[in-house]
């Protein structure tokens, strides 16, 4: 499983300019099953994505994100194995 932490590298007005294209890309990625969850960081310095696809699929998807292709954000990808989860989240466990 992967946690992708995005950190904005540009002023807010540039982030806001690219946000509609980023949100369209994100919807397509969710529709394709790439992500399990997403949201803004608090404070709003970037975002976080949760994915359970393989690394190649994740990398290919992230490369299409307008925040990446336009240099809006840096991406930190953290891989981990979920070994314990709360009731109802068993789908996050490795098989």
PDB file of N, CA and C in Angstrom:
ATOM      1  N   UNK A   1       0.852  -1.165   0.000  1.00  0.00           N
ATOM      2  CA  UNK A   1       0.000   0.000   0.000  1.00  0.00           C
ATOM      3  C   UNK A   1       0.903   1.233   0.000  1.00  0.00           C
ATOM      4  N   UNK A   2       0.365   2.319  -0.535  1.00  0.00           N
ATOM      5  CA  UNK A   2       1.156   3.537  -0.642  1.00  0.00           C
ATOM      6  C   UNK A   2       0.402   4.737  -0.088  1.00  0.00           C
ATOM      7  N   UNK A   3       1.144   5.581   0.612  1.00  0.00           N
ATOM      8  CA  UNK A   3       0.669   6.908   0.982  1.00  0.00           C
ATOM      9  C   UNK A   3       1.477   7.884   0.139  1.00  0.00           C
ATOM     10  N   UNK A   4       0.777   8.749  -0.579  1.00  0.00           N
ATOM     11  CA  UNK A   4       1.442   9.759  -1.402  1.00  0.00           C
ATOM     12  C   UNK A   4       1.161  11.111  -0.764  1.00  0.00           C
ATOM     13  N   UNK A   5       2.219  11.777  -0.324  1.00  0.00           N
ATOM     14  CA  UNK A   5       2.090  13.108   0.281  1.00  0.00           C
ATOM     15  C   UNK A   5       2.531  14.142  -0.746  1.00  0.00           C
ATOM     16  N   UNK A   6       1.610  15.045  -1.084  1.00  0.00           N
ATOM     17  CA  UNK A   6       1.909  16.136  -2.007  1.00  0.00           C
ATOM     18  C   UNK A   6       2.182  17.388  -1.189  1.00  0.00           C
ATOM     19  N   UNK A   7       3.222  18.117  -1.572  1.00  0.00           N
ATOM     20  CA  UNK A   7       3.541  19.391  -0.935  1.00  0.00           C
ATOM     21  C   UNK A   7       3.640  20.442  -2.029  1.00  0.00           C
ATOM     22  N   UNK A   8       2.841  21.496  -1.898  1.00  0.00           N
ATOM     23  CA  UNK A   8       2.846  22.549  -2.909  1.00  0.00           C
ATOM     24  C   UNK A   8       4.196  23.260  -2.946  1.00  0.00           C
ATOM     25  N   UNK A   9       4.651  23.576  -4.171  1.00  0.00           N
ATOM     26  CA  UNK A   9       5.922  24.263  -4.387  1.00  0.00           C
ATOM     27  C   UNK A   9       5.724  25.676  -4.917  1.00  0.00           C
ATOM     28  N   UNK A  10       4.482  26.049  -5.166  1.00  0.00           N
ATOM     29  CA  UNK A  10       4.187  27.323  -5.826  1.00  0.00           C
ATOM     30  C   UNK A  10       3.152  28.096  -5.009  1.00  0.00           C
ATOM     31  N   UNK A  11       2.966  29.378  -5.294  1.00  0.00           N
ATOM     32  CA  UNK A  11       1.954  30.170  -4.577  1.00  0.00           C
ATOM     33  C   UNK A  11       0.539  29.616  -4.782  1.00  0.00           C
ATOM     34  N   UNK A  12      -0.336  29.930  -3.839  1.00  0.00           N
ATOM     35  CA  UNK A  12      -1.712  29.434  -3.846  1.00  0.00           C
ATOM     36  C   UNK A  12      -2.458  29.736  -5.140  1.00  0.00           C
ATOM     37  N   UNK A  13      -2.224  30.899  -5.735  1.00  0.00           N
ATOM     38  CA  UNK A  13      -2.964  31.231  -6.950  1.00  0.00           C
ATOM     39  C   UNK A  13      -2.607  30.297  -8.111  1.00  0.00           C
ATOM     40  N   UNK A  14      -1.378  29.802  -8.125  1.00  0.00           N
ATOM     41  CA  UNK A  14      -0.986  28.835  -9.161  1.00  0.00           C
ATOM     42  C   UNK A  14      -1.595  27.471  -8.855  1.00  0.00           C
ATOM     43  N   UNK A  15      -1.600  27.086  -7.584  1.00  0.00           N
ATOM     44  CA  UNK A  15      -2.275  25.845  -7.183  1.00  0.00           C
ATOM     45  C   UNK A  15      -3.739  25.912  -7.606  1.00  0.00           C
ATOM     46  N   UNK A  16      -4.395  27.017  -7.281  1.00  0.00           N
ATOM     47  CA  UNK A  16      -5.812  27.174  -7.600  1.00  0.00           C
ATOM     48  C   UNK A  16      -6.071  27.126  -9.109  1.00  0.00           C
ATOM     49  N   UNK A  17      -5.157  27.669  -9.895  1.00  0.00           N
ATOM     50  CA  UNK A  17      -5.296  27.641 -11.355  1.00  0.00           C
ATOM     51  C   UNK A  17      -5.307  26.200 -11.871  1.00  0.00           C
ATOM     52  N   UNK A  18      -4.446  25.346 -11.308  1.00  0.00           N
ATOM     53  CA  UNK A  18      -4.315  23.965 -11.779  1.00  0.00           C
ATOM     54  C   UNK A  18      -5.263  22.992 -11.075  1.00  0.00           C
ATOM     55  N   UNK A  19      -5.943  23.445 -10.021  1.00  0.00           N
ATOM     56  CA  UNK A  19      -6.804  22.551  -9.239  1.00  0.00           C
ATOM     57  C   UNK A  19      -7.914  21.879 -10.064  1.00  0.00           C
ATOM     58  N   UNK A  20      -8.640  22.585 -10.949  1.00  0.00           N
ATOM     59  CA  UNK A  20      -9.693  21.888 -11.706  1.00  0.00           C
ATOM     60  C   UNK A  20      -9.159  20.714 -12.536  1.00  0.00           C
ATOM     61  N   UNK A  21      -8.019  20.892 -13.175  1.00  0.00           N
ATOM     62  CA  UNK A  21      -7.432  19.800 -13.961  1.00  0.00           C
ATOM     63  C   UNK A  21      -6.963  18.669 -13.044  1.00  0.00           C
ATOM     64  N   UNK A  22      -6.418  19.022 -11.889  1.00  0.00           N
ATOM     65  CA  UNK A  22      -6.001  18.010 -10.909  1.00  0.00           C
ATOM     66  C   UNK A  22      -7.210  17.218 -10.433  1.00  0.00           C
ATOM     67  N   UNK A  23      -8.321  17.891 -10.151  1.00  0.00           N
ATOM     68  CA  UNK A  23      -9.514  17.210  -9.669  1.00  0.00           C
ATOM     69  C   UNK A  23     -10.103  16.299 -10.748  1.00  0.00           C
ATOM     70  N   UNK A  24     -10.047  16.712 -12.001  1.00  0.00           N
ATOM     71  CA  UNK A  24     -10.510  15.854 -13.100  1.00  0.00           C
ATOM     72  C   UNK A  24      -9.636  14.610 -13.207  1.00  0.00           C
ATOM     73  N   UNK A  25      -8.312  14.803 -13.118  1.00  0.00           N
ATOM     74  CA  UNK A  25      -7.392  13.660 -13.127  1.00  0.00           C
ATOM     75  C   UNK A  25      -7.688  12.740 -11.948  1.00  0.00           C
ATOM     76  N   UNK A  26      -7.910  13.311 -10.778  1.00  0.00           N
ATOM     77  CA  UNK A  26      -8.166  12.525  -9.578  1.00  0.00           C
ATOM     78  C   UNK A  26      -9.435  11.690  -9.733  1.00  0.00           C
ATOM     79  N   UNK A  27     -10.492  12.276 -10.291  1.00  0.00           N
ATOM     80  CA  UNK A  27     -11.729  11.526 -10.517  1.00  0.00           C
ATOM     81  C   UNK A  27     -11.470  10.340 -11.434  1.00  0.00           C
ATOM     82  N   UNK A  28     -10.745  10.569 -12.515  1.00  0.00           N
ATOM     83  CA  UNK A  28     -10.418   9.477 -13.440  1.00  0.00           C
ATOM     84  C   UNK A  28      -9.612   8.383 -12.745  1.00  0.00           C
ATOM     85  N   UNK A  29      -8.667   8.791 -11.889  1.00  0.00           N
ATOM     86  CA  UNK A  29      -7.839   7.818 -11.169  1.00  0.00           C
ATOM     87  C   UNK A  29      -8.681   7.009 -10.182  1.00  0.00           C
ATOM     88  N   UNK A  30      -9.622   7.664  -9.495  1.00  0.00           N
ATOM     89  CA  UNK A  30     -10.534   6.935  -8.609  1.00  0.00           C
ATOM     90  C   UNK A  30     -11.393   5.971  -9.415  1.00  0.00           C
ATOM     91  N   UNK A  31     -11.916   6.433 -10.550  1.00  0.00           N
ATOM     92  CA  UNK A  31     -12.741   5.575 -11.401  1.00  0.00           C
ATOM     93  C   UNK A  31     -11.966   4.349 -11.882  1.00  0.00           C
ATOM     94  N   UNK A  32     -10.663   4.500 -12.077  1.00  0.00           N
ATOM     95  CA  UNK A  32      -9.802   3.406 -12.524  1.00  0.00           C
ATOM     96  C   UNK A  32      -9.342   2.516 -11.369  1.00  0.00           C
ATOM     97  N   UNK A  33      -9.706   2.875 -10.142  1.00  0.00           N
ATOM     98  CA  UNK A  33      -9.338   2.056  -8.994  1.00  0.00           C
ATOM     99  C   UNK A  33      -7.943   2.295  -8.455  1.00  0.00           C
ATOM    100  N   UNK A  34      -7.331   3.412  -8.828  1.00  0.00           N
ATOM    101  CA  UNK A  34      -5.960   3.696  -8.391  1.00  0.00           C
ATOM    102  C   UNK A  34      -5.913   4.118  -6.923  1.00  0.00           C
ATOM    103  N   UNK A  35      -6.891   4.900  -6.475  1.00  0.00           N
ATOM    104  CA  UNK A  35      -6.852   5.445  -5.121  1.00  0.00           C
ATOM    105  C   UNK A  35      -8.016   4.965  -4.271  1.00  0.00           C
ATOM    106  N   UNK A  36      -7.752   4.855  -2.965  1.00  0.00           N
ATOM    107  CA  UNK A  36      -8.759   4.482  -1.976  1.00  0.00           C
ATOM    108  C   UNK A  36      -9.293   5.696  -1.238  1.00  0.00           C
ATOM    109  N   UNK A  37      -8.459   6.722  -1.100  1.00  0.00           N
ATOM    110  CA  UNK A  37      -8.842   7.932  -0.374  1.00  0.00           C
ATOM    111  C   UNK A  37      -7.930   9.067  -0.808  1.00  0.00           C
ATOM    112  N   UNK A  38      -8.445  10.285  -0.636  1.00  0.00           N
ATOM    113  CA  UNK A  38      -7.632  11.469  -0.913  1.00  0.00           C
ATOM    114  C   UNK A  38      -8.165  12.627  -0.087  1.00  0.00           C
ATOM    115  N   UNK A  39      -7.331  13.643   0.090  1.00  0.00           N
ATOM    116  CA  UNK A  39      -7.776  14.821   0.801  1.00  0.00           C
ATOM    117  C   UNK A  39      -6.667  15.837   0.940  1.00  0.00           C
ATOM    118  N   UNK A  40      -7.061  17.016   1.412  1.00  0.00           N
ATOM    119  CA  UNK A  40      -6.094  18.102   1.633  1.00  0.00           C
ATOM    120  C   UNK A  40      -5.390  17.923   2.963  1.00  0.00           C
ATOM    121  N   UNK A  41      -4.148  18.370   2.996  1.00  0.00           N
ATOM    122  CA  UNK A  41      -3.411  18.400   4.256  1.00  0.00           C
ATOM    123  C   UNK A  41      -3.915  19.567   5.088  1.00  0.00           C
ATOM    124  N   UNK A  42      -3.757  19.458   6.387  1.00  0.00           N
ATOM    125  CA  UNK A  42      -4.160  20.523   7.317  1.00  0.00           C
ATOM    126  C   UNK A  42      -2.916  20.935   8.088  1.00  0.00           C
ATOM    127  N   UNK A  43      -2.451  22.169   7.922  1.00  0.00           N
ATOM    128  CA  UNK A  43      -2.993  23.223   7.067  1.00  0.00           C
ATOM    129  C   UNK A  43      -2.830  22.865   5.582  1.00  0.00           C
ATOM    130  N   UNK A  44      -3.446  23.633   4.710  1.00  0.00           N
ATOM    131  CA  UNK A  44      -3.529  23.329   3.278  1.00  0.00           C
ATOM    132  C   UNK A  44      -2.204  23.583   2.565  1.00  0.00           C
ATOM    133  N   UNK A  45      -1.223  22.728   2.846  1.00  0.00           N
ATOM    134  CA  UNK A  45       0.096  22.831   2.221  1.00  0.00           C
ATOM    135  C   UNK A  45       0.290  21.790   1.135  1.00  0.00           C
ATOM    136  N   UNK A  46      -0.761  21.020   0.849  1.00  0.00           N
ATOM    137  CA  UNK A  46      -0.683  19.953  -0.139  1.00  0.00           C
ATOM    138  C   UNK A  46      -1.829  18.988   0.059  1.00  0.00           C
ATOM    139  N   UNK A  47      -1.590  17.740  -0.299  1.00  0.00           N
ATOM    140  CA  UNK A  47      -2.631  16.730  -0.192  1.00  0.00           C
ATOM    141  C   UNK A  47      -2.046  15.377   0.148  1.00  0.00           C
ATOM    142  N   UNK A  48      -2.941  14.406   0.352  1.00  0.00           N
ATOM    143  CA  UNK A  48      -2.543  13.033   0.671  1.00  0.00           C
ATOM    144  C   UNK A  48      -3.421  12.095  -0.147  1.00  0.00           C
ATOM    145  N   UNK A  49      -2.805  11.070  -0.716  1.00  0.00           N
ATOM    146  CA  UNK A  49      -3.495  10.042  -1.483  1.00  0.00           C
ATOM    147  C   UNK A  49      -3.160   8.685  -0.887  1.00  0.00           C
ATOM    148  N   UNK A  50      -4.127   7.782  -0.854  1.00  0.00           N
ATOM    149  CA  UNK A  50      -3.917   6.417  -0.375  1.00  0.00           C
ATOM    150  C   UNK A  50      -4.214   5.470  -1.520  1.00  0.00           C
ATOM    151  N   UNK A  51      -3.267   4.573  -1.817  1.00  0.00           N
ATOM    152  CA  UNK A  51      -3.403   3.672  -2.956  1.00  0.00           C
ATOM    153  C   UNK A  51      -2.976   2.263  -2.589  1.00  0.00           C
ATOM    154  N   UNK A  52      -3.631   1.292  -3.221  1.00  0.00           N
ATOM    155  CA  UNK A  52      -3.274  -0.103  -2.998  1.00  0.00           C
ATOM    156  C   UNK A  52      -2.913  -0.803  -4.308  1.00  0.00           C
ATOM    157  N   UNK A  53      -2.651  -0.046  -5.362  1.00  0.00           N
ATOM    158  CA  UNK A  53      -2.230  -0.637  -6.631  1.00  0.00           C
ATOM    159  C   UNK A  53      -0.729  -0.917  -6.584  1.00  0.00           C
ATOM    160  N   UNK A  54      -0.198  -1.566  -7.611  1.00  0.00           N
ATOM    161  CA  UNK A  54       1.243  -1.804  -7.678  1.00  0.00           C
ATOM    162  C   UNK A  54       1.968  -0.503  -7.995  1.00  0.00           C
ATOM    163  N   UNK A  55       3.262  -0.472  -7.724  1.00  0.00           N
ATOM    164  CA  UNK A  55       4.042   0.763  -7.853  1.00  0.00           C
ATOM    165  C   UNK A  55       4.069   1.292  -9.288  1.00  0.00           C
ATOM    166  N   UNK A  56       4.156   0.410 -10.259  1.00  0.00           N
ATOM    167  CA  UNK A  56       4.199   0.865 -11.650  1.00  0.00           C
ATOM    168  C   UNK A  56       2.894   1.570 -12.029  1.00  0.00           C
ATOM    169  N   UNK A  57       1.767   0.996 -11.635  1.00  0.00           N
ATOM    170  CA  UNK A  57       0.466   1.614 -11.918  1.00  0.00           C
ATOM    171  C   UNK A  57       0.361   2.962 -11.225  1.00  0.00           C
ATOM    172  N   UNK A  58       0.809   3.023  -9.968  1.00  0.00           N
ATOM    173  CA  UNK A  58       0.783   4.283  -9.222  1.00  0.00           C
ATOM    174  C   UNK A  58       1.644   5.331  -9.915  1.00  0.00           C
ATOM    175  N   UNK A  59       2.871   4.977 -10.243  1.00  0.00           N
ATOM    176  CA  UNK A  59       3.776   5.929 -10.892  1.00  0.00           C
ATOM    177  C   UNK A  59       3.210   6.437 -12.217  1.00  0.00           C
ATOM    178  N   UNK A  60       2.633   5.531 -13.006  1.00  0.00           N
ATOM    179  CA  UNK A  60       2.051   5.928 -14.294  1.00  0.00           C
ATOM    180  C   UNK A  60       0.899   6.897 -14.098  1.00  0.00           C
ATOM    181  N   UNK A  61       0.088   6.666 -13.077  1.00  0.00           N
ATOM    182  CA  UNK A  61      -1.029   7.565 -12.804  1.00  0.00           C
ATOM    183  C   UNK A  61      -0.533   8.923 -12.314  1.00  0.00           C
ATOM    184  N   UNK A  62       0.389   8.918 -11.361  1.00  0.00           N
ATOM    185  CA  UNK A  62       0.902  10.182 -10.820  1.00  0.00           C
ATOM    186  C   UNK A  62       1.553  11.037 -11.899  1.00  0.00           C
ATOM    187  N   UNK A  63       2.178  10.410 -12.873  1.00  0.00           N
ATOM    188  CA  UNK A  63       2.842  11.150 -13.957  1.00  0.00           C
ATOM    189  C   UNK A  63       1.846  11.959 -14.771  1.00  0.00           C
ATOM    190  N   UNK A  64       0.570  11.574 -14.733  1.00  0.00           N
ATOM    191  CA  UNK A  64      -0.471  12.272 -15.492  1.00  0.00           C
ATOM    192  C   UNK A  64      -1.138  13.387 -14.679  1.00  0.00           C
ATOM    193  N   UNK A  65      -0.823  13.486 -13.402  1.00  0.00           N
ATOM    194  CA  UNK A  65      -1.430  14.515 -12.553  1.00  0.00           C
ATOM    195  C   UNK A  65      -0.922  15.890 -12.975  1.00  0.00           C
ATOM    196  N   UNK A  66      -1.829  16.818 -13.293  1.00  0.00           N
ATOM    197  CA  UNK A  66      -1.395  18.173 -13.657  1.00  0.00           C
ATOM    198  C   UNK A  66      -0.559  18.858 -12.575  1.00  0.00           C
ATOM    199  N   UNK A  67      -0.754  18.507 -11.310  1.00  0.00           N
ATOM    200  CA  UNK A  67       0.101  19.066 -10.260  1.00  0.00           C
ATOM    201  C   UNK A  67       1.540  18.601 -10.446  1.00  0.00           C
ATOM    202  N   UNK A  68       1.735  17.385 -10.945  1.00  0.00           N
ATOM    203  CA  UNK A  68       3.082  16.877 -11.196  1.00  0.00           C
ATOM    204  C   UNK A  68       3.640  17.462 -12.490  1.00  0.00           C
ATOM    205  N   UNK A  69       2.874  17.326 -13.573  1.00  0.00           N
ATOM    206  CA  UNK A  69       3.395  17.726 -14.883  1.00  0.00           C
ATOM    207  C   UNK A  69       3.633  19.230 -14.999  1.00  0.00           C
ATOM    208  N   UNK A  70       2.971  20.018 -14.167  1.00  0.00           N
ATOM    209  CA  UNK A  70       3.166  21.474 -14.186  1.00  0.00           C
ATOM    210  C   UNK A  70       4.038  21.981 -13.045  1.00  0.00           C
ATOM    211  N   UNK A  71       4.655  21.068 -12.290  1.00  0.00           N
ATOM    212  CA  UNK A  71       5.569  21.463 -11.228  1.00  0.00           C
ATOM    213  C   UNK A  71       4.902  22.153 -10.054  1.00  0.00           C
ATOM    214  N   UNK A  72       3.623  21.868  -9.828  1.00  0.00           N
ATOM    215  CA  UNK A  72       2.880  22.512  -8.752  1.00  0.00           C
ATOM    216  C   UNK A  72       3.224  21.920  -7.391  1.00  0.00           C
ATOM    217  N   UNK A  73       3.479  20.607  -7.360  1.00  0.00           N
ATOM    218  CA  UNK A  73       3.711  19.928  -6.078  1.00  0.00           C
ATOM    219  C   UNK A  73       4.840  18.922  -6.182  1.00  0.00           C
ATOM    220  N   UNK A  74       5.467  18.684  -5.046  1.00  0.00           N
ATOM    221  CA  UNK A  74       6.420  17.575  -4.891  1.00  0.00           C
ATOM    222  C   UNK A  74       5.642  16.389  -4.352  1.00  0.00           C
ATOM    223  N   UNK A  75       6.062  15.184  -4.721  1.00  0.00           N
ATOM    224  CA  UNK A  75       5.385  13.971  -4.305  1.00  0.00           C
ATOM    225  C   UNK A  75       6.346  13.106  -3.488  1.00  0.00           C
ATOM    226  N   UNK A  76       5.935  12.739  -2.287  1.00  0.00           N
ATOM    227  CA  UNK A  76       6.676  11.762  -1.490  1.00  0.00           C
ATOM    228  C   UNK A  76       5.818  10.513  -1.441  1.00  0.00           C
ATOM    229  N   UNK A  77       6.393   9.388  -1.863  1.00  0.00           N
ATOM    230  CA  UNK A  77       5.663   8.127  -1.890  1.00  0.00           C
ATOM    231  C   UNK A  77       6.215   7.233  -0.790  1.00  0.00           C
ATOM    232  N   UNK A  78       5.327   6.831   0.115  1.00  0.00           N
ATOM    233  CA  UNK A  78       5.699   5.978   1.246  1.00  0.00           C
ATOM    234  C   UNK A  78       4.979   4.652   1.078  1.00  0.00           C
ATOM    235  N   UNK A  79       5.737   3.576   0.998  1.00  0.00           N
ATOM    236  CA  UNK A  79       5.138   2.245   0.901  1.00  0.00           C
ATOM    237  C   UNK A  79       5.088   1.619   2.285  1.00  0.00           C
ATOM    238  N   UNK A  80       3.967   0.978   2.604  1.00  0.00           N
ATOM    239  CA  UNK A  80       3.871   0.261   3.871  1.00  0.00           C
ATOM    240  C   UNK A  80       2.936  -0.922   3.723  1.00  0.00           C
ATOM    241  N   UNK A  81       3.033  -1.847   4.659  1.00  0.00           N
ATOM    242  CA  UNK A  81       2.160  -3.013   4.701  1.00  0.00           C
ATOM    243  C   UNK A  81       1.240  -2.876   5.896  1.00  0.00           C
ATOM    244  N   UNK A  82      -0.065  -2.825   5.641  1.00  0.00           N
ATOM    245  CA  UNK A  82      -1.038  -2.759   6.730  1.00  0.00           C
ATOM    246  C   UNK A  82      -1.150  -4.150   7.351  1.00  0.00           C
ATOM    247  N   UNK A  83      -0.834  -4.253   8.622  1.00  0.00           N
ATOM    248  CA  UNK A  83      -0.903  -5.541   9.312  1.00  0.00           C
ATOM    249  C   UNK A  83      -2.020  -5.590  10.337  1.00  0.00           C
ATOM    250  N   UNK A  84      -2.496  -4.438  10.753  1.00  0.00           N
ATOM    251  CA  UNK A  84      -3.604  -4.345  11.702  1.00  0.00           C
ATOM    252  C   UNK A  84      -4.518  -3.214  11.248  1.00  0.00           C
ATOM    253  N   UNK A  85      -5.826  -3.488  11.238  1.00  0.00           N
ATOM    254  CA  UNK A  85      -6.792  -2.486  10.819  1.00  0.00           C
ATOM    255  C   UNK A  85      -8.017  -2.540  11.730  1.00  0.00           C
ATOM    256  N   UNK A  86      -8.774  -1.460  11.763  1.00  0.00           N
ATOM    257  CA  UNK A  86     -10.028  -1.416  12.508  1.00  0.00           C
ATOM    258  C   UNK A  86     -11.080  -2.245  11.783  1.00  0.00           C
ATOM    259  N   UNK A  87     -12.092  -2.678  12.521  1.00  0.00           N
ATOM    260  CA  UNK A  87     -13.193  -3.424  11.928  1.00  0.00           C
ATOM    261  C   UNK A  87     -13.776  -2.642  10.754  1.00  0.00           C
ATOM    262  N   UNK A  88     -14.016  -3.340   9.663  1.00  0.00           N
ATOM    263  CA  UNK A  88     -14.565  -2.722   8.471  1.00  0.00           C
ATOM    264  C   UNK A  88     -13.526  -2.297   7.451  1.00  0.00           C
ATOM    265  N   UNK A  89     -12.265  -2.345   7.830  1.00  0.00           N
ATOM    266  CA  UNK A  89     -11.183  -1.935   6.924  1.00  0.00           C
ATOM    267  C   UNK A  89     -10.287  -3.110   6.528  1.00  0.00           C
ATOM    268  N   UNK A  90     -10.815  -4.300   6.596  1.00  0.00           N
ATOM    269  CA  UNK A  90     -10.029  -5.503   6.272  1.00  0.00           C
ATOM    270  C   UNK A  90      -9.529  -5.496   4.833  1.00  0.00           C
ATOM    271  N   UNK A  91     -10.189  -4.760   3.954  1.00  0.00           N
ATOM    272  CA  UNK A  91      -9.741  -4.684   2.562  1.00  0.00           C
ATOM    273  C   UNK A  91      -8.369  -4.011   2.427  1.00  0.00           C
ATOM    274  N   UNK A  92      -7.900  -3.364   3.484  1.00  0.00           N
ATOM    275  CA  UNK A  92      -6.583  -2.725   3.430  1.00  0.00           C
ATOM    276  C   UNK A  92      -5.451  -3.684   3.759  1.00  0.00           C
ATOM    277  N   UNK A  93      -5.773  -4.844   4.323  1.00  0.00           N
ATOM    278  CA  UNK A  93      -4.751  -5.817   4.690  1.00  0.00           C
ATOM    279  C   UNK A  93      -4.142  -6.451   3.437  1.00  0.00           C
ATOM    280  N   UNK A  94      -2.870  -6.781   3.537  1.00  0.00           N
ATOM    281  CA  UNK A  94      -2.206  -7.488   2.450  1.00  0.00           C
ATOM    282  C   UNK A  94      -2.699  -8.926   2.418  1.00  0.00           C
ATOM    283  N   UNK A  95      -2.826  -9.455   1.231  1.00  0.00           N
ATOM    284  CA  UNK A  95      -3.295 -10.845   1.089  1.00  0.00           C
ATOM    285  C   UNK A  95      -2.146 -11.791   0.969  1.00  0.00           C
TER     286      UNK A  95
END
